[in-house]
Amino acid sequence: MSVSDYAETEGLPAADRTPYKPWSYDTASTKLYIPRLAAGQDRWFAAALSDDKGKAPSRLAVFAERPQHKRWEMVSVVDLDSPKLPDIALDHDGYATAVAADGNKHLAADANLLRTAVLDNFATGGTHTGTKVFKPTTASKRQIEVHDKTGTRYGDQGTTVFAGADNRYRDAYALKTADGGALLLFSHTHTQTDAVAHSGLQINPGKEDRAWLHDVPRTSITYTFVCNDAATVPPQAAPSRLIGYTCARTDASGPPVPSWSERV
């Protein structure tokens, strides 16, 4: 359970809480991609995980060493839309090759461009960079669908606007693939702001919003989402493929309707 999941659950009445079931994975079918790193480099590795014995991977995770905490931590996990992963380039000892995720001139796109394209999928439906950087995949189509459906659900009664937000999680990880490209894992943060179209209307928070909004009607609500993304990038100038992403809401806020403010 993530911190955001815990916060959301704690905001629910006990009767509405779903018992937490820890996610576990089958170690026998786990695929580890351990890069050979030079002395002084931060140590990390990627793992393709399956929750069922003998099943293909359903998640891709990154584990990184945290010397200050004297432990290893899972710093990223992405739900995959397809269990078929790209072939990772391995040396004669079975080690993977880590490559630069940012500013890499040997790749068609780096983490910064991929992050920009993902944010554009949410913000514009991919109009500016999303559909130019990414081939259509299940994951990229799903992001564009979020923009298209969520952005119009209020009709003429309200608006929904997506935007990029300050991203605390700038670390990105990349492994060389057999075709000379790379598998990149990175994070992004975006907001979704819902607002009423005119005075006299209000947005009533749902029960899943209670942890942040406390059942108080609002004139607008800004939700913050932190997401992990995974993409394959070719070595030449060609579109990349978004192969999965996982988002969690981490905050929600907005001004109460005037009538509620007066009561308070």
Protein backbone atom coordinates (compact mmCIF):
# COMPACT_ATOMS: atom_id res chain seq x y z
CA MET A 1 0.00 0.00 0.00
CA SER A 2 1.36 3.41 -0.97
CA VAL A 3 1.22 6.46 1.30
CA SER A 4 -1.53 7.94 -0.90
CA ASP A 5 -3.55 4.70 -0.74
CA TYR A 6 -3.22 4.74 3.03
CA ALA A 7 -4.37 8.37 3.25
CA GLU A 8 -7.39 7.71 1.03
CA THR A 9 -8.37 4.60 3.00
CA GLU A 10 -8.05 6.39 6.34
CA GLY A 11 -10.55 8.98 5.12
CA LEU A 12 -13.26 6.36 4.62
CA PRO A 13 -15.66 5.12 7.28
CA ALA A 14 -14.62 1.71 8.59
CA ALA A 15 -17.56 0.04 6.81
CA ASP A 16 -16.35 1.32 3.41
CA ARG A 17 -12.74 0.23 3.76
CA THR A 18 -11.56 -2.71 1.70
CA PRO A 19 -9.26 -5.02 3.67
CA TYR A 20 -5.69 -4.48 2.55
CA LYS A 21 -4.13 -7.43 0.78
CA PRO A 22 -0.35 -7.14 0.41
CA TRP A 23 0.86 -7.64 -3.15
CA SER A 24 3.38 -10.43 -3.49
CA TYR A 25 5.31 -11.81 -6.44
CA ASP A 26 6.58 -15.19 -7.53
CA THR A 27 10.35 -15.26 -7.09
CA ALA A 28 10.75 -18.24 -9.40
CA SER A 29 9.44 -16.33 -12.42
CA THR A 30 11.06 -12.98 -11.55
CA LYS A 31 13.43 -11.61 -14.19
CA LEU A 32 16.25 -9.48 -12.80
CA TYR A 33 18.14 -6.93 -14.89
CA ILE A 34 21.26 -5.97 -12.94
CA PRO A 35 23.45 -3.37 -14.61
CA ARG A 36 27.22 -3.53 -14.36
CA LEU A 37 28.04 -0.20 -12.74
CA ALA A 38 31.33 1.62 -12.32
CA ALA A 39 32.75 2.41 -8.90
CA GLY A 40 30.98 5.33 -7.31
CA GLN A 41 27.81 5.00 -9.39
CA ASP A 42 24.48 4.69 -7.58
CA ARG A 43 23.51 1.03 -7.47
CA TRP A 44 20.13 -0.10 -8.79
CA PHE A 45 18.48 -2.90 -10.70
CA ALA A 46 15.18 -3.59 -12.46
CA ALA A 47 12.88 -6.55 -11.90
CA ALA A 48 10.03 -7.89 -14.01
CA LEU A 49 7.54 -9.34 -11.53
CA SER A 50 4.58 -11.69 -11.74
CA ASP A 51 2.03 -12.26 -9.00
CA ASP A 52 1.22 -15.77 -10.23
CA LYS A 53 3.62 -18.70 -10.52
CA GLY A 54 4.49 -19.46 -14.12
CA LYS A 55 2.75 -16.33 -15.43
CA ALA A 56 4.44 -13.65 -17.53
CA PRO A 57 5.47 -10.41 -15.78
CA SER A 58 2.72 -7.94 -14.95
CA ARG A 59 4.84 -5.27 -13.26
CA LEU A 60 8.22 -3.68 -13.76
CA ALA A 61 9.98 -2.37 -10.65
CA VAL A 62 13.22 -0.53 -9.91
CA PHE A 63 15.12 -1.13 -6.68
CA ALA A 64 17.83 1.34 -5.64
CA GLU A 65 20.36 1.33 -2.84
CA ARG A 66 19.87 4.04 -0.23
CA PRO A 67 23.19 4.19 1.66
CA GLN A 68 21.90 6.86 4.03
CA HIS A 69 19.20 4.43 5.15
CA LYS A 70 21.48 1.38 4.86
CA ARG A 71 18.95 -0.50 2.78
CA TRP A 72 17.55 -1.09 -0.69
CA GLU A 73 14.19 0.46 -1.59
CA MET A 74 11.68 -0.05 -4.37
CA VAL A 75 11.67 3.40 -5.95
CA SER A 76 9.38 2.77 -8.92
CA VAL A 77 6.79 0.24 -10.01
CA VAL A 78 4.78 0.22 -13.25
CA ASP A 79 1.84 -1.96 -14.22
CA LEU A 80 2.54 -3.32 -17.69
CA ASP A 81 -0.08 -3.36 -20.42
CA SER A 82 1.66 -6.28 -22.11
CA PRO A 83 3.80 -9.01 -20.54
CA LYS A 84 6.15 -8.92 -23.54
CA LEU A 85 9.22 -6.93 -22.59
CA PRO A 86 11.98 -5.81 -24.97
CA ASP A 87 15.14 -7.91 -25.10
CA ILE A 88 17.64 -6.34 -22.72
CA ALA A 89 21.27 -6.35 -23.90
CA LEU A 90 23.34 -8.59 -21.61
CA ASP A 91 27.10 -9.04 -21.47
CA HIS A 92 28.90 -12.41 -21.31
CA ASP A 93 28.38 -12.52 -17.54
CA GLY A 94 24.65 -11.81 -17.79
CA TYR A 95 24.83 -8.20 -16.61
CA ALA A 96 22.65 -5.56 -18.22
CA THR A 97 24.04 -2.29 -19.55
CA ALA A 98 22.87 0.92 -17.92
CA VAL A 99 22.75 3.96 -20.22
CA ALA A 100 22.09 7.62 -19.57
CA ALA A 101 18.36 8.31 -19.26
CA ASP A 102 18.72 12.09 -19.70
CA GLY A 103 20.58 13.88 -22.46
CA ASN A 104 21.42 10.66 -24.33
CA LYS A 105 22.17 11.61 -27.95
CA HIS A 106 22.24 7.94 -28.99
CA LEU A 107 18.50 7.55 -28.38
CA ALA A 108 15.48 8.95 -30.23
CA ALA A 109 14.18 10.42 -26.95
CA ASP A 110 15.40 10.86 -23.40
CA ALA A 111 13.46 10.86 -20.13
CA ASN A 112 12.78 14.61 -20.28
CA LEU A 113 11.17 14.39 -23.72
CA LEU A 114 9.19 11.28 -22.78
CA ARG A 115 7.92 13.04 -19.64
CA THR A 116 6.89 16.06 -21.72
CA ALA A 117 5.02 13.80 -24.15
CA VAL A 118 3.20 11.97 -21.35
CA LEU A 119 2.11 15.27 -19.81
CA ASP A 120 0.89 16.40 -23.23
CA ASN A 121 -1.23 13.25 -23.57
CA PHE A 122 -3.10 14.29 -20.44
CA ALA A 123 -3.12 18.05 -21.10
CA THR A 124 -4.08 18.17 -24.80
CA GLY A 125 -4.80 14.59 -25.81
CA GLY A 126 -1.33 14.35 -27.36
CA THR A 127 -1.82 17.24 -29.79
CA HIS A 128 1.56 18.91 -29.33
CA THR A 129 4.13 16.23 -28.54
CA GLY A 130 2.37 13.13 -27.23
CA THR A 131 1.33 11.61 -30.54
CA LYS A 132 4.60 12.70 -32.17
CA VAL A 133 6.90 11.11 -29.58
CA PHE A 134 4.84 7.96 -28.98
CA LYS A 135 3.44 5.31 -31.27
CA PRO A 136 -0.17 4.45 -30.40
CA THR A 137 -0.06 1.83 -27.62
CA THR A 138 -2.56 0.71 -25.00
CA ALA A 139 -0.87 2.95 -22.42
CA SER A 140 -0.66 6.10 -24.55
CA LYS A 141 -4.24 5.63 -25.79
CA ARG A 142 -5.39 5.25 -22.20
CA GLN A 143 -3.80 8.58 -21.24
CA ILE A 144 -5.41 10.34 -24.19
CA GLU A 145 -8.75 8.75 -23.28
CA VAL A 146 -8.42 10.18 -19.76
CA HIS A 147 -8.05 13.64 -21.32
CA ASP A 148 -10.91 13.19 -23.76
CA LYS A 149 -13.48 11.64 -21.41
CA THR A 150 -12.64 13.45 -18.19
CA GLY A 151 -12.34 16.81 -19.92
CA THR A 152 -15.91 16.72 -21.22
CA ARG A 153 -17.81 14.93 -18.47
CA TYR A 154 -19.31 18.10 -16.96
CA GLY A 155 -20.65 19.37 -20.27
CA ASP A 156 -21.52 23.08 -20.00
CA GLN A 157 -21.69 22.89 -16.19
CA GLY A 158 -17.94 22.82 -15.57
CA THR A 159 -14.45 22.36 -16.92
CA THR A 160 -11.52 20.02 -16.38
CA VAL A 161 -7.95 21.05 -17.13
CA PHE A 162 -4.83 18.86 -16.86
CA ALA A 163 -1.37 20.36 -16.38
CA GLY A 164 2.14 19.37 -15.43
CA ALA A 165 3.21 19.99 -11.84
CA ASP A 166 6.41 20.26 -9.85
CA ASN A 167 7.98 16.81 -9.95
CA ARG A 168 9.93 15.74 -6.87
CA TYR A 169 10.94 12.45 -8.47
CA ARG A 170 13.45 13.32 -11.18
CA ASP A 171 15.46 10.09 -11.05
CA ALA A 172 15.19 8.10 -14.28
CA TYR A 173 16.64 4.70 -15.15
CA ALA A 174 17.57 3.22 -18.52
CA LEU A 175 18.79 -0.16 -19.74
CA LYS A 176 20.22 -0.81 -23.19
CA THR A 177 18.08 -3.08 -25.37
CA ALA A 178 19.32 -5.63 -27.90
CA ASP A 179 18.32 -3.37 -30.84
CA GLY A 180 20.55 -0.55 -29.57
CA GLY A 181 17.69 1.38 -28.03
CA ALA A 182 16.72 1.50 -24.37
CA LEU A 183 14.06 0.69 -21.81
CA LEU A 184 13.41 3.84 -19.75
CA LEU A 185 11.65 4.12 -16.41
CA PHE A 186 10.78 7.59 -15.14
CA SER A 187 8.18 9.50 -13.13
CA HIS A 188 5.96 12.51 -13.69
CA THR A 189 3.50 14.62 -11.68
CA HIS A 190 0.35 16.20 -13.08
CA THR A 191 -2.72 17.99 -11.80
CA GLN A 192 -6.37 17.78 -12.74
CA THR A 193 -8.42 20.88 -11.93
CA ASP A 194 -12.21 20.61 -12.01
CA ALA A 195 -14.15 23.88 -11.79
CA VAL A 196 -17.78 24.94 -11.99
CA ALA A 197 -18.79 27.01 -15.02
CA HIS A 198 -20.61 29.72 -13.07
CA SER A 199 -21.68 30.75 -9.58
CA GLY A 200 -24.49 28.79 -7.98
CA LEU A 201 -22.95 25.45 -8.93
CA GLN A 202 -20.80 23.23 -6.72
CA ILE A 203 -18.71 20.08 -6.92
CA ASN A 204 -19.61 17.52 -4.27
CA PRO A 205 -16.56 15.43 -3.32
CA GLY A 206 -16.97 11.67 -3.51
CA LYS A 207 -16.27 9.37 -0.61
CA GLU A 208 -12.82 8.57 -2.03
CA ASP A 209 -12.02 12.31 -1.70
CA ARG A 210 -12.91 12.48 1.99
CA ALA A 211 -9.33 12.22 3.23
CA TRP A 212 -8.47 15.51 1.52
CA LEU A 213 -11.76 17.38 1.06
CA HIS A 214 -13.78 16.26 4.09
CA ASP A 215 -17.17 16.20 2.29
CA VAL A 216 -17.07 19.99 1.86
CA PRO A 217 -18.65 21.18 -1.45
CA ARG A 218 -16.19 23.13 -3.60
CA THR A 219 -16.25 25.57 -6.49
CA SER A 220 -13.11 23.95 -7.86
CA ILE A 221 -10.88 21.02 -6.94
CA THR A 222 -7.27 20.44 -7.94
CA TYR A 223 -6.10 16.85 -7.71
CA THR A 224 -2.40 15.97 -7.77
CA PHE A 225 -1.20 12.68 -9.25
CA VAL A 226 2.27 11.12 -9.06
CA CYS A 227 2.87 8.53 -11.76
CA ASN A 228 5.51 6.02 -12.81
CA ASP A 229 6.00 5.41 -16.53
CA ALA A 230 7.87 2.88 -18.67
CA ALA A 231 8.76 3.28 -22.34
CA THR A 232 10.95 1.68 -24.99
CA VAL A 233 13.00 4.06 -27.10
CA PRO A 234 14.66 3.22 -30.46
CA PRO A 235 18.24 4.24 -31.28
CA GLN A 236 17.21 6.14 -34.40
CA ALA A 237 14.77 8.97 -35.02
CA ALA A 238 11.49 7.09 -34.66
CA PRO A 239 8.55 7.10 -32.24
CA SER A 240 8.92 5.49 -28.81
CA ARG A 241 6.44 3.12 -27.19
CA LEU A 242 4.81 3.75 -23.81
CA ILE A 243 4.39 0.23 -22.39
CA GLY A 244 2.78 1.06 -19.06
CA TYR A 245 2.11 3.68 -16.41
CA THR A 246 0.73 3.73 -12.88
CA CYS A 247 -0.70 6.80 -11.14
CA ALA A 248 -1.70 7.56 -7.55
CA ARG A 249 -3.56 10.61 -6.29
CA THR A 250 -1.48 12.30 -3.60
CA ASP A 251 -3.48 15.45 -2.82
CA ALA A 252 -6.72 17.33 -3.46
CA SER A 253 -7.71 20.86 -2.51
CA GLY A 254 -10.01 23.68 -3.51
CA PRO A 255 -12.08 26.61 -2.21
CA PRO A 256 -15.37 25.77 -0.44
CA VAL A 257 -18.60 27.14 -1.87
CA PRO A 258 -19.48 30.56 -0.36
CA SER A 259 -22.45 29.21 1.63
CA TRP A 260 -20.19 26.69 3.37
CA SER A 261 -17.50 29.31 4.03
CA GLU A 262 -20.08 31.54 5.71
CA ARG A 263 -21.14 28.73 8.02
CA VAL A 264 -17.56 28.07 9.00
